[in-house]
Amino acid sequence: RGKIVTHGGYYASPAAVRDGLRNGEFFLHFQPIVNLATGA
């Protein structure tokens, strides 16, 4: 109860993903993993 769900549709086809990669729509972000003792 009380959930909100999005139907993503059918936009993530192989052709659409290739177009997205070619058009620069996808990108990466990086989350650090640190040493708890040193913070590095």
PDB file of all heavy atoms in Angstrom:
ATOM      1  N   ARG A   1       0.822  -1.204   0.000  1.00  0.00           N
ATOM      2  CA  ARG A   1       0.000   0.000   0.000  1.00  0.00           C
ATOM      3  C   ARG A   1       0.858   1.256   0.000  1.00  0.00           C
ATOM      4  O   ARG A   1       1.920   1.298   0.605  1.00  0.00           O
ATOM      5  CB  ARG A   1      -0.914   0.006   1.228  1.00  0.00           C
ATOM      6  CG  ARG A   1      -2.008  -1.055   1.203  1.00  0.00           C
ATOM      7  CD  ARG A   1      -2.819  -1.015   2.481  1.00  0.00           C
ATOM      8  NE  ARG A   1      -1.987  -1.268   3.654  1.00  0.00           N
ATOM      9  CZ  ARG A   1      -2.386  -1.119   4.896  1.00  0.00           C
ATOM     10  NH1 ARG A   1      -3.596  -0.694   5.149  1.00  0.00           N
ATOM     11  NH2 ARG A   1      -1.566  -1.372   5.904  1.00  0.00           N
ATOM     12  N   GLY A   2       0.342   2.274  -0.668  1.00  0.00           N
ATOM     13  CA  GLY A   2       1.024   3.558  -0.665  1.00  0.00           C
ATOM     14  C   GLY A   2       2.217   3.649  -1.582  1.00  0.00           C
ATOM     15  O   GLY A   2       2.951   4.638  -1.539  1.00  0.00           O
ATOM     16  N   LYS A   3       2.429   2.655  -2.433  1.00  0.00           N
ATOM     17  CA  LYS A   3       3.572   2.671  -3.335  1.00  0.00           C
ATOM     18  C   LYS A   3       3.258   3.442  -4.611  1.00  0.00           C
ATOM     19  O   LYS A   3       2.104   3.535  -5.042  1.00  0.00           O
ATOM     20  CB  LYS A   3       4.003   1.252  -3.691  1.00  0.00           C
ATOM     21  CG  LYS A   3       4.384   0.391  -2.495  1.00  0.00           C
ATOM     22  CD  LYS A   3       5.596   0.942  -1.766  1.00  0.00           C
ATOM     23  CE  LYS A   3       6.015   0.035  -0.608  1.00  0.00           C
ATOM     24  NZ  LYS A   3       7.168   0.581   0.135  1.00  0.00           N
ATOM     25  N   ILE A   4       4.293   4.001  -5.217  1.00  0.00           N
ATOM     26  CA  ILE A   4       4.190   4.673  -6.511  1.00  0.00           C
ATOM     27  C   ILE A   4       5.176   3.997  -7.448  1.00  0.00           C
ATOM     28  O   ILE A   4       6.384   3.992  -7.184  1.00  0.00           O
ATOM     29  CB  ILE A   4       4.505   6.176  -6.394  1.00  0.00           C
ATOM     30  CG1 ILE A   4       3.532   6.857  -5.430  1.00  0.00           C
ATOM     31  CG2 ILE A   4       4.442   6.844  -7.767  1.00  0.00           C
ATOM     32  CD1 ILE A   4       3.872   8.310  -5.151  1.00  0.00           C
ATOM     33  N   VAL A   5       4.673   3.419  -8.516  1.00  0.00           N
ATOM     34  CA  VAL A   5       5.512   2.666  -9.459  1.00  0.00           C
ATOM     35  C   VAL A   5       5.428   3.313 -10.828  1.00  0.00           C
ATOM     36  O   VAL A   5       4.344   3.704 -11.279  1.00  0.00           O
ATOM     37  CB  VAL A   5       5.072   1.188  -9.529  1.00  0.00           C
ATOM     38  CG1 VAL A   5       5.826   0.456 -10.642  1.00  0.00           C
ATOM     39  CG2 VAL A   5       5.322   0.504  -8.188  1.00  0.00           C
ATOM     40  N   THR A   6       6.554   3.431 -11.478  1.00  0.00           N
ATOM     41  CA  THR A   6       6.615   3.986 -12.832  1.00  0.00           C
ATOM     42  C   THR A   6       6.790   2.861 -13.839  1.00  0.00           C
ATOM     43  O   THR A   6       7.672   2.013 -13.673  1.00  0.00           O
ATOM     44  CB  THR A   6       7.781   4.981 -12.963  1.00  0.00           C
ATOM     45  OG1 THR A   6       7.583   6.060 -12.061  1.00  0.00           O
ATOM     46  CG2 THR A   6       7.863   5.528 -14.381  1.00  0.00           C
ATOM     47  N   HIS A   7       5.947   2.853 -14.849  1.00  0.00           N
ATOM     48  CA  HIS A   7       6.128   1.905 -15.948  1.00  0.00           C
ATOM     49  C   HIS A   7       7.103   2.535 -16.928  1.00  0.00           C
ATOM     50  O   HIS A   7       6.808   3.535 -17.568  1.00  0.00           O
ATOM     51  CB  HIS A   7       4.791   1.621 -16.642  1.00  0.00           C
ATOM     52  CG  HIS A   7       4.867   0.481 -17.628  1.00  0.00           C
ATOM     53  ND1 HIS A   7       5.539   0.578 -18.823  1.00  0.00           N
ATOM     54  CD2 HIS A   7       4.359  -0.784 -17.578  1.00  0.00           C
ATOM     55  CE1 HIS A   7       5.430  -0.571 -19.478  1.00  0.00           C
ATOM     56  NE2 HIS A   7       4.732  -1.413 -18.738  1.00  0.00           N
ATOM     57  N   GLY A   8       8.285   1.959 -17.001  1.00  0.00           N
ATOM     58  CA  GLY A   8       9.329   2.563 -17.830  1.00  0.00           C
ATOM     59  C   GLY A   8       9.039   2.559 -19.303  1.00  0.00           C
ATOM     60  O   GLY A   8       9.698   3.241 -20.080  1.00  0.00           O
ATOM     61  N   GLY A   9       8.043   1.781 -19.714  1.00  0.00           N
ATOM     62  CA  GLY A   9       7.732   1.741 -21.140  1.00  0.00           C
ATOM     63  C   GLY A   9       8.639   0.791 -21.867  1.00  0.00           C
ATOM     64  O   GLY A   9       9.252  -0.111 -21.287  1.00  0.00           O
ATOM     65  N   TYR A  10       8.750   0.993 -23.126  1.00  0.00           N
ATOM     66  CA  TYR A  10       9.514   0.095 -23.974  1.00  0.00           C
ATOM     67  C   TYR A  10      10.601   0.875 -24.707  1.00  0.00           C
ATOM     68  O   TYR A  10      10.991   0.550 -25.812  1.00  0.00           O
ATOM     69  CB  TYR A  10       8.575  -0.587 -24.955  1.00  0.00           C
ATOM     70  CG  TYR A  10       7.354  -1.179 -24.272  1.00  0.00           C
ATOM     71  CD1 TYR A  10       6.106  -0.581 -24.381  1.00  0.00           C
ATOM     72  CD2 TYR A  10       7.482  -2.296 -23.457  1.00  0.00           C
ATOM     73  CE1 TYR A  10       5.001  -1.106 -23.718  1.00  0.00           C
ATOM     74  CE2 TYR A  10       6.384  -2.818 -22.781  1.00  0.00           C
ATOM     75  CZ  TYR A  10       5.148  -2.223 -22.922  1.00  0.00           C
ATOM     76  OH  TYR A  10       4.063  -2.731 -22.259  1.00  0.00           O
ATOM     77  N   TYR A  11      11.085   1.925 -24.026  1.00  0.00           N
ATOM     78  CA  TYR A  11      12.040   2.812 -24.678  1.00  0.00           C
ATOM     79  C   TYR A  11      13.469   2.283 -24.622  1.00  0.00           C
ATOM     80  O   TYR A  11      14.354   2.818 -25.282  1.00  0.00           O
ATOM     81  CB  TYR A  11      11.994   4.200 -24.030  1.00  0.00           C
ATOM     82  CG  TYR A  11      12.372   4.238 -22.574  1.00  0.00           C
ATOM     83  CD1 TYR A  11      13.695   4.407 -22.169  1.00  0.00           C
ATOM     84  CD2 TYR A  11      11.403   4.109 -21.589  1.00  0.00           C
ATOM     85  CE1 TYR A  11      14.031   4.442 -20.838  1.00  0.00           C
ATOM     86  CE2 TYR A  11      11.734   4.151 -20.256  1.00  0.00           C
ATOM     87  CZ  TYR A  11      13.055   4.313 -19.878  1.00  0.00           C
ATOM     88  OH  TYR A  11      13.379   4.344 -18.548  1.00  0.00           O
ATOM     89  N   ALA A  12      13.721   1.263 -23.798  1.00  0.00           N
ATOM     90  CA  ALA A  12      15.090   0.783 -23.608  1.00  0.00           C
ATOM     91  C   ALA A  12      15.396  -0.393 -24.527  1.00  0.00           C
ATOM     92  O   ALA A  12      15.996  -1.382 -24.110  1.00  0.00           O
ATOM     93  CB  ALA A  12      15.309   0.406 -22.148  1.00  0.00           C
ATOM     94  N   SER A  13      14.998  -0.298 -25.775  1.00  0.00           N
ATOM     95  CA  SER A  13      15.306  -1.344 -26.749  1.00  0.00           C
ATOM     96  C   SER A  13      16.787  -1.276 -27.104  1.00  0.00           C
ATOM     97  O   SER A  13      17.447  -0.253 -26.876  1.00  0.00           O
ATOM     98  CB  SER A  13      14.465  -1.153 -28.007  1.00  0.00           C
ATOM     99  OG  SER A  13      14.819   0.054 -28.653  1.00  0.00           O
ATOM    100  N   PRO A  14      17.354  -2.346 -27.678  1.00  0.00           N
ATOM    101  CA  PRO A  14      18.765  -2.284 -28.083  1.00  0.00           C
ATOM    102  C   PRO A  14      19.067  -1.107 -29.006  1.00  0.00           C
ATOM    103  O   PRO A  14      20.097  -0.441 -28.853  1.00  0.00           O
ATOM    104  CB  PRO A  14      18.969  -3.637 -28.794  1.00  0.00           C
ATOM    105  CG  PRO A  14      17.986  -4.556 -28.134  1.00  0.00           C
ATOM    106  CD  PRO A  14      16.793  -3.691 -27.854  1.00  0.00           C
ATOM    107  N   ALA A  15      18.165  -0.843 -29.959  1.00  0.00           N
ATOM    108  CA  ALA A  15      18.397   0.279 -30.878  1.00  0.00           C
ATOM    109  C   ALA A  15      18.382   1.611 -30.128  1.00  0.00           C
ATOM    110  O   ALA A  15      19.210   2.492 -30.372  1.00  0.00           O
ATOM    111  CB  ALA A  15      17.335   0.287 -31.975  1.00  0.00           C
ATOM    112  N   ALA A  16      17.431   1.756 -29.163  1.00  0.00           N
ATOM    113  CA  ALA A  16      17.342   3.001 -28.395  1.00  0.00           C
ATOM    114  C   ALA A  16      18.572   3.192 -27.516  1.00  0.00           C
ATOM    115  O   ALA A  16      19.076   4.306 -27.367  1.00  0.00           O
ATOM    116  CB  ALA A  16      16.072   2.999 -27.546  1.00  0.00           C
ATOM    117  N   VAL A  17      19.063   2.109 -26.920  1.00  0.00           N
ATOM    118  CA  VAL A  17      20.255   2.202 -26.081  1.00  0.00           C
ATOM    119  C   VAL A  17      21.468   2.567 -26.929  1.00  0.00           C
ATOM    120  O   VAL A  17      22.296   3.403 -26.537  1.00  0.00           O
ATOM    121  CB  VAL A  17      20.486   0.884 -25.317  1.00  0.00           C
ATOM    122  CG1 VAL A  17      21.857   0.876 -24.646  1.00  0.00           C
ATOM    123  CG2 VAL A  17      19.392   0.682 -24.271  1.00  0.00           C
ATOM    124  N   ARG A  18      21.590   1.956 -28.111  1.00  0.00           N
ATOM    125  CA  ARG A  18      22.708   2.307 -29.000  1.00  0.00           C
ATOM    126  C   ARG A  18      22.636   3.777 -29.400  1.00  0.00           C
ATOM    127  O   ARG A  18      23.659   4.473 -29.419  1.00  0.00           O
ATOM    128  CB  ARG A  18      22.686   1.418 -30.248  1.00  0.00           C
ATOM    129  CG  ARG A  18      23.072  -0.029 -29.992  1.00  0.00           C
ATOM    130  CD  ARG A  18      23.282  -0.784 -31.306  1.00  0.00           C
ATOM    131  NE  ARG A  18      23.509  -2.192 -31.060  1.00  0.00           N
ATOM    132  CZ  ARG A  18      22.551  -3.123 -31.088  1.00  0.00           C
ATOM    133  NH1 ARG A  18      21.301  -2.760 -31.368  1.00  0.00           N
ATOM    134  NH2 ARG A  18      22.824  -4.380 -30.842  1.00  0.00           N
ATOM    135  N   ASP A  19      21.419   4.248 -29.716  1.00  0.00           N
ATOM    136  CA  ASP A  19      21.256   5.669 -30.054  1.00  0.00           C
ATOM    137  C   ASP A  19      21.643   6.554 -28.868  1.00  0.00           C
ATOM    138  O   ASP A  19      22.299   7.589 -29.031  1.00  0.00           O
ATOM    139  CB  ASP A  19      19.812   5.956 -30.463  1.00  0.00           C
ATOM    140  CG  ASP A  19      19.477   5.384 -31.832  1.00  0.00           C
ATOM    141  OD1 ASP A  19      20.415   5.061 -32.591  1.00  0.00           O
ATOM    142  OD2 ASP A  19      18.270   5.247 -32.134  1.00  0.00           O
ATOM    143  N   GLY A  20      21.226   6.141 -27.667  1.00  0.00           N
ATOM    144  CA  GLY A  20      21.556   6.915 -26.480  1.00  0.00           C
ATOM    145  C   GLY A  20      23.049   6.967 -26.224  1.00  0.00           C
ATOM    146  O   GLY A  20      23.596   8.012 -25.855  1.00  0.00           O
ATOM    147  N   LEU A  21      23.735   5.840 -26.436  1.00  0.00           N
ATOM    148  CA  LEU A  21      25.186   5.821 -26.268  1.00  0.00           C
ATOM    149  C   LEU A  21      25.861   6.706 -27.307  1.00  0.00           C
ATOM    150  O   LEU A  21      26.805   7.446 -27.007  1.00  0.00           O
ATOM    151  CB  LEU A  21      25.703   4.384 -26.388  1.00  0.00           C
ATOM    152  CG  LEU A  21      25.298   3.430 -25.250  1.00  0.00           C
ATOM    153  CD1 LEU A  21      25.707   2.008 -25.581  1.00  0.00           C
ATOM    154  CD2 LEU A  21      25.927   3.868 -23.929  1.00  0.00           C
ATOM    155  N   ARG A  22      25.360   6.646 -28.517  1.00  0.00           N
ATOM    156  CA  ARG A  22      25.940   7.452 -29.595  1.00  0.00           C
ATOM    157  C   ARG A  22      25.709   8.946 -29.355  1.00  0.00           C
ATOM    158  O   ARG A  22      26.560   9.779 -29.696  1.00  0.00           O
ATOM    159  CB  ARG A  22      25.335   7.020 -30.933  1.00  0.00           C
ATOM    160  CG  ARG A  22      25.947   7.714 -32.142  1.00  0.00           C
ATOM    161  CD  ARG A  22      25.589   7.011 -33.441  1.00  0.00           C
ATOM    162  NE  ARG A  22      24.162   6.799 -33.579  1.00  0.00           N
ATOM    163  CZ  ARG A  22      23.572   5.593 -33.514  1.00  0.00           C
ATOM    164  NH1 ARG A  22      24.306   4.508 -33.318  1.00  0.00           N
ATOM    165  NH2 ARG A  22      22.265   5.471 -33.650  1.00  0.00           N
ATOM    166  N   ASN A  23      24.555   9.287 -28.745  1.00  0.00           N
ATOM    167  CA  ASN A  23      24.213  10.692 -28.521  1.00  0.00           C
ATOM    168  C   ASN A  23      24.723  11.240 -27.192  1.00  0.00           C
ATOM    169  O   ASN A  23      24.440  12.388 -26.837  1.00  0.00           O
ATOM    170  CB  ASN A  23      22.690  10.877 -28.579  1.00  0.00           C
ATOM    171  CG  ASN A  23      22.127  10.542 -29.949  1.00  0.00           C
ATOM    172  OD1 ASN A  23      22.812  10.667 -30.963  1.00  0.00           O
ATOM    173  ND2 ASN A  23      20.874  10.114 -29.983  1.00  0.00           N
ATOM    174  N   GLY A  24      25.446  10.409 -26.440  1.00  0.00           N
ATOM    175  CA  GLY A  24      26.003  10.877 -25.178  1.00  0.00           C
ATOM    176  C   GLY A  24      24.996  10.998 -24.060  1.00  0.00           C
ATOM    177  O   GLY A  24      25.219  11.773 -23.109  1.00  0.00           O
ATOM    178  N   GLU A  25      23.888  10.243 -24.125  1.00  0.00           N
ATOM    179  CA  GLU A  25      22.865  10.326 -23.084  1.00  0.00           C
ATOM    180  C   GLU A  25      23.268   9.564 -21.826  1.00  0.00           C
ATOM    181  O   GLU A  25      22.808   9.883 -20.724  1.00  0.00           O
ATOM    182  CB  GLU A  25      21.534   9.781 -23.618  1.00  0.00           C
ATOM    183  CG  GLU A  25      20.978  10.585 -24.789  1.00  0.00           C
ATOM    184  CD  GLU A  25      19.825   9.873 -25.493  1.00  0.00           C
ATOM    185  OE1 GLU A  25      19.290   8.909 -24.903  1.00  0.00           O
ATOM    186  OE2 GLU A  25      19.471  10.262 -26.622  1.00  0.00           O
ATOM    187  N   PHE A  26      24.104   8.543 -21.972  1.00  0.00           N
ATOM    188  CA  PHE A  26      24.566   7.765 -20.816  1.00  0.00           C
ATOM    189  C   PHE A  26      25.886   8.340 -20.302  1.00  0.00           C
ATOM    190  O   PHE A  26      26.729   8.790 -21.078  1.00  0.00           O
ATOM    191  CB  PHE A  26      24.764   6.296 -21.199  1.00  0.00           C
ATOM    192  CG  PHE A  26      23.488   5.560 -21.490  1.00  0.00           C
ATOM    193  CD1 PHE A  26      23.002   5.481 -22.787  1.00  0.00           C
ATOM    194  CD2 PHE A  26      22.771   4.950 -20.480  1.00  0.00           C
ATOM    195  CE1 PHE A  26      21.819   4.802 -23.072  1.00  0.00           C
ATOM    196  CE2 PHE A  26      21.599   4.274 -20.745  1.00  0.00           C
ATOM    197  CZ  PHE A  26      21.116   4.204 -22.040  1.00  0.00           C
ATOM    198  N   PHE A  27      26.065   8.295 -18.993  1.00  0.00           N
ATOM    199  CA  PHE A  27      27.322   8.732 -18.403  1.00  0.00           C
ATOM    200  C   PHE A  27      27.530   7.992 -17.089  1.00  0.00           C
ATOM    201  O   PHE A  27      26.585   7.409 -16.522  1.00  0.00           O
ATOM    202  CB  PHE A  27      27.347  10.250 -18.193  1.00  0.00           C
ATOM    203  CG  PHE A  27      26.257  10.780 -17.295  1.00  0.00           C
ATOM    204  CD1 PHE A  27      26.480  10.960 -15.941  1.00  0.00           C
ATOM    205  CD2 PHE A  27      25.003  11.089 -17.811  1.00  0.00           C
ATOM    206  CE1 PHE A  27      25.483  11.450 -15.106  1.00  0.00           C
ATOM    207  CE2 PHE A  27      23.996  11.583 -16.993  1.00  0.00           C
ATOM    208  CZ  PHE A  27      24.245  11.758 -15.637  1.00  0.00           C
ATOM    209  N   LEU A  28      28.774   7.997 -16.604  1.00  0.00           N
ATOM    210  CA  LEU A  28      29.112   7.303 -15.371  1.00  0.00           C
ATOM    211  C   LEU A  28      29.436   8.297 -14.262  1.00  0.00           C
ATOM    212  O   LEU A  28      30.054   9.341 -14.511  1.00  0.00           O
ATOM    213  CB  LEU A  28      30.328   6.391 -15.577  1.00  0.00           C
ATOM    214  CG  LEU A  28      30.161   5.175 -16.477  1.00  0.00           C
ATOM    215  CD1 LEU A  28      31.463   4.382 -16.517  1.00  0.00           C
ATOM    216  CD2 LEU A  28      29.022   4.282 -16.012  1.00  0.00           C
ATOM    217  N   HIS A  29      29.012   7.967 -13.065  1.00  0.00           N
ATOM    218  CA  HIS A  29      29.453   8.634 -11.853  1.00  0.00           C
ATOM    219  C   HIS A  29      30.134   7.576 -10.985  1.00  0.00           C
ATOM    220  O   HIS A  29      29.852   6.377 -11.112  1.00  0.00           O
ATOM    221  CB  HIS A  29      28.298   9.287 -11.117  1.00  0.00           C
ATOM    222  CG  HIS A  29      27.969  10.653 -11.640  1.00  0.00           C
ATOM    223  ND1 HIS A  29      26.911  11.403 -11.182  1.00  0.00           N
ATOM    224  CD2 HIS A  29      28.577  11.422 -12.569  1.00  0.00           C
ATOM    225  CE1 HIS A  29      26.870  12.554 -11.815  1.00  0.00           C
ATOM    226  NE2 HIS A  29      27.867  12.589 -12.667  1.00  0.00           N
ATOM    227  N   PHE A  30      30.998   8.039 -10.103  1.00  0.00           N
ATOM    228  CA  PHE A  30      31.771   7.111  -9.273  1.00  0.00           C
ATOM    229  C   PHE A  30      31.633   7.499  -7.813  1.00  0.00           C
ATOM    230  O   PHE A  30      31.821   8.665  -7.451  1.00  0.00           O
ATOM    231  CB  PHE A  30      33.246   7.141  -9.686  1.00  0.00           C
ATOM    232  CG  PHE A  30      33.476   6.703 -11.109  1.00  0.00           C
ATOM    233  CD1 PHE A  30      33.440   7.626 -12.147  1.00  0.00           C
ATOM    234  CD2 PHE A  30      33.705   5.369 -11.408  1.00  0.00           C
ATOM    235  CE1 PHE A  30      33.645   7.232 -13.466  1.00  0.00           C
ATOM    236  CE2 PHE A  30      33.892   4.964 -12.721  1.00  0.00           C
ATOM    237  CZ  PHE A  30      33.867   5.899 -13.747  1.00  0.00           C
ATOM    238  N   GLN A  31      31.279   6.501  -6.974  1.00  0.00           N
ATOM    239  CA  GLN A  31      31.194   6.744  -5.535  1.00  0.00           C
ATOM    240  C   GLN A  31      32.396   6.103  -4.849  1.00  0.00           C
ATOM    241  O   GLN A  31      32.614   4.886  -4.975  1.00  0.00           O
ATOM    242  CB  GLN A  31      29.902   6.197  -4.947  1.00  0.00           C
ATOM    243  CG  GLN A  31      29.721   6.578  -3.474  1.00  0.00           C
ATOM    244  CD  GLN A  31      28.351   6.244  -2.942  1.00  0.00           C
ATOM    245  OE1 GLN A  31      27.798   5.198  -3.277  1.00  0.00           O
ATOM    246  NE2 GLN A  31      27.794   7.112  -2.098  1.00  0.00           N
ATOM    247  N   PRO A  32      33.168   6.890  -4.123  1.00  0.00           N
ATOM    248  CA  PRO A  32      34.392   6.367  -3.507  1.00  0.00           C
ATOM    249  C   PRO A  32      34.110   5.285  -2.467  1.00  0.00           C
ATOM    250  O   PRO A  32      33.112   5.327  -1.752  1.00  0.00           O
ATOM    251  CB  PRO A  32      35.019   7.604  -2.853  1.00  0.00           C
ATOM    252  CG  PRO A  32      34.373   8.772  -3.527  1.00  0.00           C
ATOM    253  CD  PRO A  32      32.989   8.329  -3.899  1.00  0.00           C
ATOM    254  N   ILE A  33      35.024   4.346  -2.382  1.00  0.00           N
ATOM    255  CA  ILE A  33      35.072   3.364  -1.301  1.00  0.00           C
ATOM    256  C   ILE A  33      36.324   3.707  -0.486  1.00  0.00           C
ATOM    257  O   ILE A  33      37.429   3.778  -1.047  1.00  0.00           O
ATOM    258  CB  ILE A  33      35.157   1.931  -1.848  1.00  0.00           C
ATOM    259  CG1 ILE A  33      33.936   1.622  -2.716  1.00  0.00           C
ATOM    260  CG2 ILE A  33      35.275   0.921  -0.712  1.00  0.00           C
ATOM    261  CD1 ILE A  33      34.037   0.309  -3.480  1.00  0.00           C
ATOM    262  N   VAL A  34      36.154   3.971   0.801  1.00  0.00           N
ATOM    263  CA  VAL A  34      37.257   4.513   1.596  1.00  0.00           C
ATOM    264  C   VAL A  34      37.703   3.542   2.677  1.00  0.00           C
ATOM    265  O   VAL A  34      36.948   2.666   3.125  1.00  0.00           O
ATOM    266  CB  VAL A  34      36.868   5.866   2.250  1.00  0.00           C
ATOM    267  CG1 VAL A  34      36.427   6.862   1.195  1.00  0.00           C
ATOM    268  CG2 VAL A  34      35.769   5.664   3.285  1.00  0.00           C
ATOM    269  N   ASN A  35      38.957   3.718   3.064  1.00  0.00           N
ATOM    270  CA  ASN A  35      39.510   3.003   4.205  1.00  0.00           C
ATOM    271  C   ASN A  35      39.026   3.709   5.470  1.00  0.00           C
ATOM    272  O   ASN A  35      39.301   4.896   5.668  1.00  0.00           O
ATOM    273  CB  ASN A  35      41.041   3.021   4.124  1.00  0.00           C
ATOM    274  CG  ASN A  35      41.685   2.193   5.213  1.00  0.00           C
ATOM    275  OD1 ASN A  35      41.311   2.267   6.387  1.00  0.00           O
ATOM    276  ND2 ASN A  35      42.679   1.407   4.826  1.00  0.00           N
ATOM    277  N   LEU A  36      38.297   3.013   6.313  1.00  0.00           N
ATOM    278  CA  LEU A  36      37.723   3.642   7.503  1.00  0.00           C
ATOM    279  C   LEU A  36      38.781   4.137   8.475  1.00  0.00           C
ATOM    280  O   LEU A  36      38.537   5.075   9.243  1.00  0.00           O
ATOM    281  CB  LEU A  36      36.779   2.659   8.207  1.00  0.00           C
ATOM    282  CG  LEU A  36      35.350   2.581   7.660  1.00  0.00           C
ATOM    283  CD1 LEU A  36      34.594   1.420   8.288  1.00  0.00           C
ATOM    284  CD2 LEU A  36      34.611   3.887   7.910  1.00  0.00           C
ATOM    285  N   ALA A  37      39.960   3.541   8.439  1.00  0.00           N
ATOM    286  CA  ALA A  37      41.016   3.953   9.365  1.00  0.00           C
ATOM    287  C   ALA A  37      41.687   5.242   8.921  1.00  0.00           C
ATOM    288  O   ALA A  37      42.033   6.092   9.751  1.00  0.00           O
ATOM    289  CB  ALA A  37      42.053   2.836   9.501  1.00  0.00           C
ATOM    290  N   THR A  38      41.877   5.423   7.601  1.00  0.00           N
ATOM    291  CA  THR A  38      42.632   6.575   7.101  1.00  0.00           C
ATOM    292  C   THR A  38      41.779   7.591   6.356  1.00  0.00           C
ATOM    293  O   THR A  38      42.194   8.738   6.171  1.00  0.00           O
ATOM    294  CB  THR A  38      43.736   6.100   6.143  1.00  0.00           C
ATOM    295  OG1 THR A  38      43.131   5.521   4.970  1.00  0.00           O
ATOM    296  CG2 THR A  38      44.627   5.062   6.825  1.00  0.00           C
ATOM    297  N   GLY A  39      40.608   7.181   5.885  1.00  0.00           N
ATOM    298  CA  GLY A  39      39.777   8.070   5.079  1.00  0.00           C
ATOM    299  C   GLY A  39      40.198   8.138   3.627  1.00  0.00           C
ATOM    300  O   GLY A  39      39.603   8.867   2.828  1.00  0.00           O
ATOM    301  N   ALA A  40      41.252   7.402   3.245  1.00  0.00           N
ATOM    302  CA  ALA A  40      41.735   7.417   1.863  1.00  0.00           C
ATOM    303  C   ALA A  40      40.866   6.510   0.992  1.00  0.00           C
ATOM    304  O   ALA A  40      40.368   5.467   1.440  1.00  0.00           O
ATOM    305  CB  ALA A  40      43.187   6.953   1.810  1.00  0.00           C
TER     306      ALA A  40
END
